[in-house]
């Protein structure tokens, strides 16, 4: 009974002090958060339950200040998909948003210099497809094809990691493709009435996903985003260091400044040094 009573105990938001309804509470490490205040947090903040009330308040202060950064943001490069990446090359900032009216959504303005890693990688899974047949007693059952027939599913995820230069969250993890990317191997096999294509051997073997235009589009978009975020402007300090020491070079790909040794490649990203 004590637990039941605690469930219906009245709670107040630790940020705004307002009443929290029965299903409106968002737990914090040391308090409670109403859904209205939670809606002001960055959509990329993923550790709210382990954040203190003071930490949430600091984050909300940052989100309020971010409005001015959004107003001053002028995109010079845009890559559009399930999420839209916009880069303000002059200011050295970027945003990632799903909203067409992005200025009204207060997207996080993140400095390119804070980006330490960008990855766009696919995950895959498969489900076996069954056919329906009647049993001798007139019922129906689901049975495997012979040979087995599968549908392969692919999803691309984008990971962006930031350093302490951007303290409000350290990672962005979002789905790149919009809609299902799938291949039914039976449809590609001549025994099933389809056409034999490169990358297909048998219906129970995974196909080459590049036969699917949606897979190719998602892969290309991921590559473009990785390249766009890592080809940042070289900091003035790095350029000055390069001119002061003739052995010091700056990687054209990732902007890392380093002293050229025996290996003619960047120690940070592995790109060849021209």
C-alpha atoms as a PDB file:
ATOM      1  CA  UNK A   1       0.000   0.000   0.000  1.00  0.00           C
ATOM      2  CA  UNK A   2       2.921   2.352   0.738  1.00  0.00           C
ATOM      3  CA  UNK A   3       4.315   1.804  -2.745  1.00  0.00           C
ATOM      4  CA  UNK A   4       0.864   2.370  -4.281  1.00  0.00           C
ATOM      5  CA  UNK A   5       0.495   5.602  -2.347  1.00  0.00           C
ATOM      6  CA  UNK A   6       3.936   6.804  -3.424  1.00  0.00           C
ATOM      7  CA  UNK A   7       2.986   6.218  -7.053  1.00  0.00           C
ATOM      8  CA  UNK A   8       0.126   8.706  -6.776  1.00  0.00           C
ATOM      9  CA  UNK A   9       2.036  11.131  -4.543  1.00  0.00           C
ATOM     10  CA  UNK A  10       1.914  14.692  -5.868  1.00  0.00           C
ATOM     11  CA  UNK A  11       5.189  15.827  -7.423  1.00  0.00           C
ATOM     12  CA  UNK A  12       6.515  19.219  -8.436  1.00  0.00           C
ATOM     13  CA  UNK A  13       9.001  20.051 -11.148  1.00  0.00           C
ATOM     14  CA  UNK A  14      12.436  20.738  -9.660  1.00  0.00           C
ATOM     15  CA  UNK A  15      13.051  23.365 -12.363  1.00  0.00           C
ATOM     16  CA  UNK A  16       9.866  25.428 -12.722  1.00  0.00           C
ATOM     17  CA  UNK A  17       8.050  24.298  -9.565  1.00  0.00           C
ATOM     18  CA  UNK A  18       4.891  23.402 -11.458  1.00  0.00           C
ATOM     19  CA  UNK A  19       2.646  20.425 -10.680  1.00  0.00           C
ATOM     20  CA  UNK A  20       3.515  17.189 -12.470  1.00  0.00           C
ATOM     21  CA  UNK A  21       0.676  14.965 -13.604  1.00  0.00           C
ATOM     22  CA  UNK A  22       0.522  11.227 -13.000  1.00  0.00           C
ATOM     23  CA  UNK A  23       2.203  10.332 -16.307  1.00  0.00           C
ATOM     24  CA  UNK A  24       4.157  13.551 -16.819  1.00  0.00           C
ATOM     25  CA  UNK A  25       7.184  12.996 -14.594  1.00  0.00           C
ATOM     26  CA  UNK A  26      10.699  12.727 -16.017  1.00  0.00           C
ATOM     27  CA  UNK A  27      13.062  11.457 -13.343  1.00  0.00           C
ATOM     28  CA  UNK A  28      16.367  13.201 -12.654  1.00  0.00           C
ATOM     29  CA  UNK A  29      19.242  11.959 -10.546  1.00  0.00           C
ATOM     30  CA  UNK A  30      18.093  14.071  -7.610  1.00  0.00           C
ATOM     31  CA  UNK A  31      14.700  15.431  -8.603  1.00  0.00           C
ATOM     32  CA  UNK A  32      11.806  15.528 -11.045  1.00  0.00           C
ATOM     33  CA  UNK A  33      11.187  17.246 -14.359  1.00  0.00           C
ATOM     34  CA  UNK A  34       7.862  18.137 -15.973  1.00  0.00           C
ATOM     35  CA  UNK A  35       7.255  17.379 -19.639  1.00  0.00           C
ATOM     36  CA  UNK A  36       7.167  21.082 -20.518  1.00  0.00           C
ATOM     37  CA  UNK A  37      10.703  21.645 -19.189  1.00  0.00           C
ATOM     38  CA  UNK A  38      11.846  18.320 -20.678  1.00  0.00           C
ATOM     39  CA  UNK A  39      10.651  19.523 -24.077  1.00  0.00           C
ATOM     40  CA  UNK A  40      13.190  22.355 -23.927  1.00  0.00           C
ATOM     41  CA  UNK A  41      16.159  19.983 -23.614  1.00  0.00           C
ATOM     42  CA  UNK A  42      18.278  19.155 -26.626  1.00  0.00           C
ATOM     43  CA  UNK A  43      16.907  16.117 -28.492  1.00  0.00           C
ATOM     44  CA  UNK A  44      20.442  14.729 -28.469  1.00  0.00           C
ATOM     45  CA  UNK A  45      20.747  14.742 -24.666  1.00  0.00           C
ATOM     46  CA  UNK A  46      20.513  11.054 -23.726  1.00  0.00           C
ATOM     47  CA  UNK A  47      21.563  10.945 -20.050  1.00  0.00           C
ATOM     48  CA  UNK A  48      18.784  12.996 -18.447  1.00  0.00           C
ATOM     49  CA  UNK A  49      18.025  10.388 -15.759  1.00  0.00           C
ATOM     50  CA  UNK A  50      21.641  10.593 -14.553  1.00  0.00           C
ATOM     51  CA  UNK A  51      21.755  14.397 -14.582  1.00  0.00           C
ATOM     52  CA  UNK A  52      21.285  16.500 -11.455  1.00  0.00           C
ATOM     53  CA  UNK A  53      18.820  19.358 -11.096  1.00  0.00           C
ATOM     54  CA  UNK A  54      21.735  21.820 -11.313  1.00  0.00           C
ATOM     55  CA  UNK A  55      22.960  20.094 -14.473  1.00  0.00           C
ATOM     56  CA  UNK A  56      19.519  20.355 -16.086  1.00  0.00           C
ATOM     57  CA  UNK A  57      19.279  24.016 -15.167  1.00  0.00           C
ATOM     58  CA  UNK A  58      22.693  24.680 -16.741  1.00  0.00           C
ATOM     59  CA  UNK A  59      21.614  22.797 -19.862  1.00  0.00           C
ATOM     60  CA  UNK A  60      18.406  24.836 -20.106  1.00  0.00           C
ATOM     61  CA  UNK A  61      20.425  28.056 -19.724  1.00  0.00           C
ATOM     62  CA  UNK A  62      22.602  26.893 -22.636  1.00  0.00           C
ATOM     63  CA  UNK A  63      19.495  26.113 -24.702  1.00  0.00           C
ATOM     64  CA  UNK A  64      18.213  29.637 -24.089  1.00  0.00           C
ATOM     65  CA  UNK A  65      21.553  31.131 -25.158  1.00  0.00           C
ATOM     66  CA  UNK A  66      21.543  28.856 -28.217  1.00  0.00           C
ATOM     67  CA  UNK A  67      18.622  30.845 -29.654  1.00  0.00           C
ATOM     68  CA  UNK A  68      21.000  33.704 -30.449  1.00  0.00           C
ATOM     69  CA  UNK A  69      23.440  31.283 -32.103  1.00  0.00           C
ATOM     70  CA  UNK A  70      20.599  29.940 -34.282  1.00  0.00           C
ATOM     71  CA  UNK A  71      19.633  33.468 -35.306  1.00  0.00           C
ATOM     72  CA  UNK A  72      23.251  34.135 -36.353  1.00  0.00           C
ATOM     73  CA  UNK A  73      23.606  30.810 -38.178  1.00  0.00           C
ATOM     74  CA  UNK A  74      23.884  31.123 -41.981  1.00  0.00           C
ATOM     75  CA  UNK A  75      24.231  27.762 -43.755  1.00  0.00           C
ATOM     76  CA  UNK A  76      26.617  27.607 -46.682  1.00  0.00           C
ATOM     77  CA  UNK A  77      26.408  23.843 -47.218  1.00  0.00           C
ATOM     78  CA  UNK A  78      23.429  21.511 -46.772  1.00  0.00           C
ATOM     79  CA  UNK A  79      23.094  17.720 -46.949  1.00  0.00           C
ATOM     80  CA  UNK A  80      19.490  16.537 -46.738  1.00  0.00           C
ATOM     81  CA  UNK A  81      18.079  13.149 -45.767  1.00  0.00           C
ATOM     82  CA  UNK A  82      16.197  11.773 -42.765  1.00  0.00           C
ATOM     83  CA  UNK A  83      18.183  14.449 -40.920  1.00  0.00           C
ATOM     84  CA  UNK A  84      19.493  17.603 -42.549  1.00  0.00           C
ATOM     85  CA  UNK A  85      23.075  18.658 -41.903  1.00  0.00           C
ATOM     86  CA  UNK A  86      23.748  22.379 -42.300  1.00  0.00           C
ATOM     87  CA  UNK A  87      27.197  23.920 -42.047  1.00  0.00           C
ATOM     88  CA  UNK A  88      28.036  27.583 -41.554  1.00  0.00           C
ATOM     89  CA  UNK A  89      31.550  27.440 -43.006  1.00  0.00           C
ATOM     90  CA  UNK A  90      32.332  31.072 -42.235  1.00  0.00           C
ATOM     91  CA  UNK A  91      31.535  30.694 -38.522  1.00  0.00           C
ATOM     92  CA  UNK A  92      32.791  27.092 -38.285  1.00  0.00           C
ATOM     93  CA  UNK A  93      29.527  25.688 -36.862  1.00  0.00           C
ATOM     94  CA  UNK A  94      26.990  23.039 -37.849  1.00  0.00           C
ATOM     95  CA  UNK A  95      23.487  21.915 -36.947  1.00  0.00           C
ATOM     96  CA  UNK A  96      21.653  18.618 -37.442  1.00  0.00           C
ATOM     97  CA  UNK A  97      17.874  18.830 -37.638  1.00  0.00           C
ATOM     98  CA  UNK A  98      14.745  17.063 -38.883  1.00  0.00           C
ATOM     99  CA  UNK A  99      12.636  20.209 -39.041  1.00  0.00           C
ATOM    100  CA  UNK A 100      11.943  22.208 -42.185  1.00  0.00           C
ATOM    101  CA  UNK A 101      11.317  25.252 -39.961  1.00  0.00           C
ATOM    102  CA  UNK A 102      14.606  24.643 -38.224  1.00  0.00           C
ATOM    103  CA  UNK A 103      15.046  28.146 -36.806  1.00  0.00           C
ATOM    104  CA  UNK A 104      11.842  27.679 -34.794  1.00  0.00           C
ATOM    105  CA  UNK A 105      13.114  24.360 -33.348  1.00  0.00           C
ATOM    106  CA  UNK A 106      16.256  25.845 -31.749  1.00  0.00           C
ATOM    107  CA  UNK A 107      18.679  23.197 -33.112  1.00  0.00           C
ATOM    108  CA  UNK A 108      21.994  22.854 -31.288  1.00  0.00           C
ATOM    109  CA  UNK A 109      24.710  24.991 -32.908  1.00  0.00           C
ATOM    110  CA  UNK A 110      27.905  22.950 -32.531  1.00  0.00           C
ATOM    111  CA  UNK A 111      31.441  24.101 -33.415  1.00  0.00           C
ATOM    112  CA  UNK A 112      33.184  22.001 -36.061  1.00  0.00           C
ATOM    113  CA  UNK A 113      36.356  22.220 -33.981  1.00  0.00           C
ATOM    114  CA  UNK A 114      34.680  20.123 -31.256  1.00  0.00           C
ATOM    115  CA  UNK A 115      34.082  17.146 -33.580  1.00  0.00           C
ATOM    116  CA  UNK A 116      36.476  14.278 -32.876  1.00  0.00           C
ATOM    117  CA  UNK A 117      34.852  11.397 -34.753  1.00  0.00           C
ATOM    118  CA  UNK A 118      32.179  10.847 -37.399  1.00  0.00           C
ATOM    119  CA  UNK A 119      30.931   7.417 -38.479  1.00  0.00           C
ATOM    120  CA  UNK A 120      28.091   6.354 -40.768  1.00  0.00           C
ATOM    121  CA  UNK A 121      27.630   2.601 -40.535  1.00  0.00           C
ATOM    122  CA  UNK A 122      24.909   0.153 -41.544  1.00  0.00           C
ATOM    123  CA  UNK A 123      23.396  -2.548 -39.383  1.00  0.00           C
ATOM    124  CA  UNK A 124      21.739  -5.593 -40.927  1.00  0.00           C
ATOM    125  CA  UNK A 125      19.247  -8.232 -39.902  1.00  0.00           C
ATOM    126  CA  UNK A 126      17.176 -10.828 -41.680  1.00  0.00           C
ATOM    127  CA  UNK A 127      13.782 -12.458 -41.337  1.00  0.00           C
ATOM    128  CA  UNK A 128      12.796 -15.746 -42.912  1.00  0.00           C
ATOM    129  CA  UNK A 129       9.844 -15.527 -45.264  1.00  0.00           C
ATOM    130  CA  UNK A 130       7.261 -18.293 -45.100  1.00  0.00           C
ATOM    131  CA  UNK A 131       4.590 -19.484 -47.467  1.00  0.00           C
ATOM    132  CA  UNK A 132       1.063 -20.508 -46.552  1.00  0.00           C
ATOM    133  CA  UNK A 133      -0.186 -23.943 -47.449  1.00  0.00           C
ATOM    134  CA  UNK A 134      -3.174 -26.070 -46.561  1.00  0.00           C
ATOM    135  CA  UNK A 135      -2.821 -29.159 -44.412  1.00  0.00           C
ATOM    136  CA  UNK A 136      -4.672 -32.411 -45.146  1.00  0.00           C
ATOM    137  CA  UNK A 137      -7.293 -31.532 -42.542  1.00  0.00           C
ATOM    138  CA  UNK A 138      -8.104 -28.236 -44.319  1.00  0.00           C
ATOM    139  CA  UNK A 139      -6.207 -25.909 -41.992  1.00  0.00           C
ATOM    140  CA  UNK A 140      -3.401 -23.556 -43.033  1.00  0.00           C
ATOM    141  CA  UNK A 141       0.178 -23.424 -41.858  1.00  0.00           C
ATOM    142  CA  UNK A 142       3.290 -21.361 -42.474  1.00  0.00           C
ATOM    143  CA  UNK A 143       6.189 -23.342 -43.928  1.00  0.00           C
ATOM    144  CA  UNK A 144       9.641 -22.480 -45.244  1.00  0.00           C
ATOM    145  CA  UNK A 145      10.434 -22.116 -48.914  1.00  0.00           C
ATOM    146  CA  UNK A 146      12.815 -24.634 -50.440  1.00  0.00           C
ATOM    147  CA  UNK A 147      15.493 -23.352 -50.458  1.00  0.00           C
ATOM    148  CA  UNK A 148      14.775 -20.976 -47.538  1.00  0.00           C
ATOM    149  CA  UNK A 149      13.891 -17.445 -48.509  1.00  0.00           C
ATOM    150  CA  UNK A 150      14.896 -14.376 -46.481  1.00  0.00           C
ATOM    151  CA  UNK A 151      14.349 -10.651 -46.424  1.00  0.00           C
ATOM    152  CA  UNK A 152      17.419  -8.638 -45.394  1.00  0.00           C
ATOM    153  CA  UNK A 153      16.963  -5.307 -43.638  1.00  0.00           C
ATOM    154  CA  UNK A 154      19.536  -2.500 -43.471  1.00  0.00           C
ATOM    155  CA  UNK A 155      19.619   0.642 -41.338  1.00  0.00           C
ATOM    156  CA  UNK A 156      22.330   3.317 -41.432  1.00  0.00           C
ATOM    157  CA  UNK A 157      23.250   5.101 -38.206  1.00  0.00           C
ATOM    158  CA  UNK A 158      25.279   8.283 -37.889  1.00  0.00           C
ATOM    159  CA  UNK A 159      27.564   8.782 -34.887  1.00  0.00           C
ATOM    160  CA  UNK A 160      29.178  12.152 -34.171  1.00  0.00           C
ATOM    161  CA  UNK A 161      31.412  12.540 -31.126  1.00  0.00           C
ATOM    162  CA  UNK A 162      32.439  15.861 -29.619  1.00  0.00           C
ATOM    163  CA  UNK A 163      35.127  16.826 -27.112  1.00  0.00           C
ATOM    164  CA  UNK A 164      34.884  19.053 -24.049  1.00  0.00           C
ATOM    165  CA  UNK A 165      34.824  22.166 -26.260  1.00  0.00           C
ATOM    166  CA  UNK A 166      31.113  21.374 -26.495  1.00  0.00           C
ATOM    167  CA  UNK A 167      30.131  20.284 -22.955  1.00  0.00           C
ATOM    168  CA  UNK A 168      26.371  19.776 -23.312  1.00  0.00           C
ATOM    169  CA  UNK A 169      26.482  16.261 -24.728  1.00  0.00           C
ATOM    170  CA  UNK A 170      29.318  14.175 -26.101  1.00  0.00           C
ATOM    171  CA  UNK A 171      27.569  12.152 -28.806  1.00  0.00           C
ATOM    172  CA  UNK A 172      24.930  12.390 -31.491  1.00  0.00           C
ATOM    173  CA  UNK A 173      23.470   9.056 -32.620  1.00  0.00           C
ATOM    174  CA  UNK A 174      20.701   9.149 -35.221  1.00  0.00           C
ATOM    175  CA  UNK A 175      19.239   7.037 -38.018  1.00  0.00           C
ATOM    176  CA  UNK A 176      20.281   8.263 -41.451  1.00  0.00           C
ATOM    177  CA  UNK A 177      17.885   6.501 -43.777  1.00  0.00           C
ATOM    178  CA  UNK A 178      14.201   7.341 -43.893  1.00  0.00           C
ATOM    179  CA  UNK A 179      12.029   4.305 -44.560  1.00  0.00           C
ATOM    180  CA  UNK A 180      12.832   0.648 -44.938  1.00  0.00           C
ATOM    181  CA  UNK A 181      15.879  -0.609 -46.833  1.00  0.00           C
ATOM    182  CA  UNK A 182      15.251  -4.265 -47.565  1.00  0.00           C
ATOM    183  CA  UNK A 183      16.013  -6.958 -50.112  1.00  0.00           C
ATOM    184  CA  UNK A 184      13.914 -10.094 -50.650  1.00  0.00           C
ATOM    185  CA  UNK A 185      16.362 -12.691 -51.976  1.00  0.00           C
ATOM    186  CA  UNK A 186      13.587 -14.757 -53.497  1.00  0.00           C
ATOM    187  CA  UNK A 187      12.575 -11.897 -55.756  1.00  0.00           C
ATOM    188  CA  UNK A 188      16.117 -11.821 -57.161  1.00  0.00           C
ATOM    189  CA  UNK A 189      16.381 -15.550 -57.891  1.00  0.00           C
ATOM    190  CA  UNK A 190      15.357 -17.087 -61.251  1.00  0.00           C
ATOM    191  CA  UNK A 191      13.570 -19.960 -59.484  1.00  0.00           C
ATOM    192  CA  UNK A 192      11.210 -17.374 -57.951  1.00  0.00           C
ATOM    193  CA  UNK A 193      10.503 -15.671 -61.266  1.00  0.00           C
ATOM    194  CA  UNK A 194      13.006 -12.875 -60.742  1.00  0.00           C
ATOM    195  CA  UNK A 195      16.258 -12.011 -62.484  1.00  0.00           C
ATOM    196  CA  UNK A 196      19.680 -13.202 -61.384  1.00  0.00           C
ATOM    197  CA  UNK A 197      21.775 -10.186 -60.390  1.00  0.00           C
ATOM    198  CA  UNK A 198      25.395  -9.672 -59.331  1.00  0.00           C
ATOM    199  CA  UNK A 199      25.949 -10.447 -55.657  1.00  0.00           C
ATOM    200  CA  UNK A 200      23.268 -13.150 -55.464  1.00  0.00           C
ATOM    201  CA  UNK A 201      24.291 -16.792 -55.301  1.00  0.00           C
ATOM    202  CA  UNK A 202      21.455 -18.651 -53.519  1.00  0.00           C
ATOM    203  CA  UNK A 203      18.296 -17.443 -51.851  1.00  0.00           C
ATOM    204  CA  UNK A 204      19.688 -18.252 -48.384  1.00  0.00           C
ATOM    205  CA  UNK A 205      22.835 -16.170 -48.963  1.00  0.00           C
ATOM    206  CA  UNK A 206      23.014 -12.493 -48.103  1.00  0.00           C
ATOM    207  CA  UNK A 207      22.898 -10.343 -51.245  1.00  0.00           C
ATOM    208  CA  UNK A 208      25.094  -7.415 -52.115  1.00  0.00           C
ATOM    209  CA  UNK A 209      23.059  -4.549 -50.594  1.00  0.00           C
ATOM    210  CA  UNK A 210      24.335  -2.156 -53.263  1.00  0.00           C
ATOM    211  CA  UNK A 211      21.711  -3.524 -55.637  1.00  0.00           C
ATOM    212  CA  UNK A 212      19.215  -1.485 -53.600  1.00  0.00           C
ATOM    213  CA  UNK A 213      19.194   2.219 -54.636  1.00  0.00           C
ATOM    214  CA  UNK A 214      18.059   3.285 -51.154  1.00  0.00           C
ATOM    215  CA  UNK A 215      21.087   1.568 -49.608  1.00  0.00           C
ATOM    216  CA  UNK A 216      23.420   3.345 -52.040  1.00  0.00           C
ATOM    217  CA  UNK A 217      21.758   6.701 -51.337  1.00  0.00           C
ATOM    218  CA  UNK A 218      22.066   6.288 -47.559  1.00  0.00           C
ATOM    219  CA  UNK A 219      25.685   5.162 -47.869  1.00  0.00           C
ATOM    220  CA  UNK A 220      26.558   8.127 -50.074  1.00  0.00           C
ATOM    221  CA  UNK A 221      24.850  10.578 -47.724  1.00  0.00           C
ATOM    222  CA  UNK A 222      26.802   9.129 -44.780  1.00  0.00           C
ATOM    223  CA  UNK A 223      30.077   9.537 -46.658  1.00  0.00           C
ATOM    224  CA  UNK A 224      29.221  13.134 -47.547  1.00  0.00           C
ATOM    225  CA  UNK A 225      28.400  13.966 -43.923  1.00  0.00           C
ATOM    226  CA  UNK A 226      31.636  12.390 -42.661  1.00  0.00           C
ATOM    227  CA  UNK A 227      33.667  14.306 -45.201  1.00  0.00           C
ATOM    228  CA  UNK A 228      31.847  17.591 -44.563  1.00  0.00           C
ATOM    229  CA  UNK A 229      32.292  17.472 -40.780  1.00  0.00           C
ATOM    230  CA  UNK A 230      35.923  16.374 -40.865  1.00  0.00           C
ATOM    231  CA  UNK A 231      37.061  18.805 -43.556  1.00  0.00           C
ATOM    232  CA  UNK A 232      37.003  21.630 -41.061  1.00  0.00           C
ATOM    233  CA  UNK A 233      38.810  24.930 -41.452  1.00  0.00           C
ATOM    234  CA  UNK A 234      42.403  24.827 -40.219  1.00  0.00           C
ATOM    235  CA  UNK A 235      42.727  26.864 -36.972  1.00  0.00           C
ATOM    236  CA  UNK A 236      44.844  29.970 -37.219  1.00  0.00           C
ATOM    237  CA  UNK A 237      47.189  28.671 -34.509  1.00  0.00           C
ATOM    238  CA  UNK A 238      47.851  25.493 -36.488  1.00  0.00           C
ATOM    239  CA  UNK A 239      48.540  27.457 -39.650  1.00  0.00           C
ATOM    240  CA  UNK A 240      50.954  29.718 -37.770  1.00  0.00           C
ATOM    241  CA  UNK A 241      52.754  26.712 -36.295  1.00  0.00           C
ATOM    242  CA  UNK A 242      53.044  25.225 -39.765  1.00  0.00           C
ATOM    243  CA  UNK A 243      54.718  28.336 -41.168  1.00  0.00           C
ATOM    244  CA  UNK A 244      57.057  28.617 -38.146  1.00  0.00           C
ATOM    245  CA  UNK A 245      58.360  25.043 -38.482  1.00  0.00           C
ATOM    246  CA  UNK A 246      58.911  23.821 -42.070  1.00  0.00           C
ATOM    247  CA  UNK A 247      58.639  20.214 -40.876  1.00  0.00           C
ATOM    248  CA  UNK A 248      55.179  20.867 -39.468  1.00  0.00           C
ATOM    249  CA  UNK A 249      52.278  20.221 -41.805  1.00  0.00           C
ATOM    250  CA  UNK A 250      48.502  20.461 -41.568  1.00  0.00           C
ATOM    251  CA  UNK A 251      46.336  17.590 -42.769  1.00  0.00           C
ATOM    252  CA  UNK A 252      44.073  18.736 -45.610  1.00  0.00           C
ATOM    253  CA  UNK A 253      41.447  16.201 -44.555  1.00  0.00           C
ATOM    254  CA  UNK A 254      41.002  16.576 -40.784  1.00  0.00           C
ATOM    255  CA  UNK A 255      42.947  19.770 -39.957  1.00  0.00           C
ATOM    256  CA  UNK A 256      45.450  18.103 -37.582  1.00  0.00           C
ATOM    257  CA  UNK A 257      48.800  19.889 -37.272  1.00  0.00           C
ATOM    258  CA  UNK A 258      51.830  17.622 -36.810  1.00  0.00           C
ATOM    259  CA  UNK A 259      55.561  17.349 -37.476  1.00  0.00           C
ATOM    260  CA  UNK A 260      56.237  15.296 -40.590  1.00  0.00           C
ATOM    261  CA  UNK A 261      58.343  12.213 -39.871  1.00  0.00           C
ATOM    262  CA  UNK A 262      59.237   9.132 -41.874  1.00  0.00           C
ATOM    263  CA  UNK A 263      55.586   8.223 -42.490  1.00  0.00           C
ATOM    264  CA  UNK A 264      53.834  10.411 -45.060  1.00  0.00           C
ATOM    265  CA  UNK A 265      50.383  10.160 -43.536  1.00  0.00           C
ATOM    266  CA  UNK A 266      48.343  11.979 -40.892  1.00  0.00           C
ATOM    267  CA  UNK A 267      48.651  10.355 -37.438  1.00  0.00           C
ATOM    268  CA  UNK A 268      45.049  11.324 -36.620  1.00  0.00           C
ATOM    269  CA  UNK A 269      43.096  10.157 -39.664  1.00  0.00           C
ATOM    270  CA  UNK A 270      45.649   8.293 -41.796  1.00  0.00           C
ATOM    271  CA  UNK A 271      45.153  10.508 -44.849  1.00  0.00           C
ATOM    272  CA  UNK A 272      48.207  10.748 -47.141  1.00  0.00           C
ATOM    273  CA  UNK A 273      50.266  13.931 -46.919  1.00  0.00           C
ATOM    274  CA  UNK A 274      50.609  15.729 -50.235  1.00  0.00           C
END
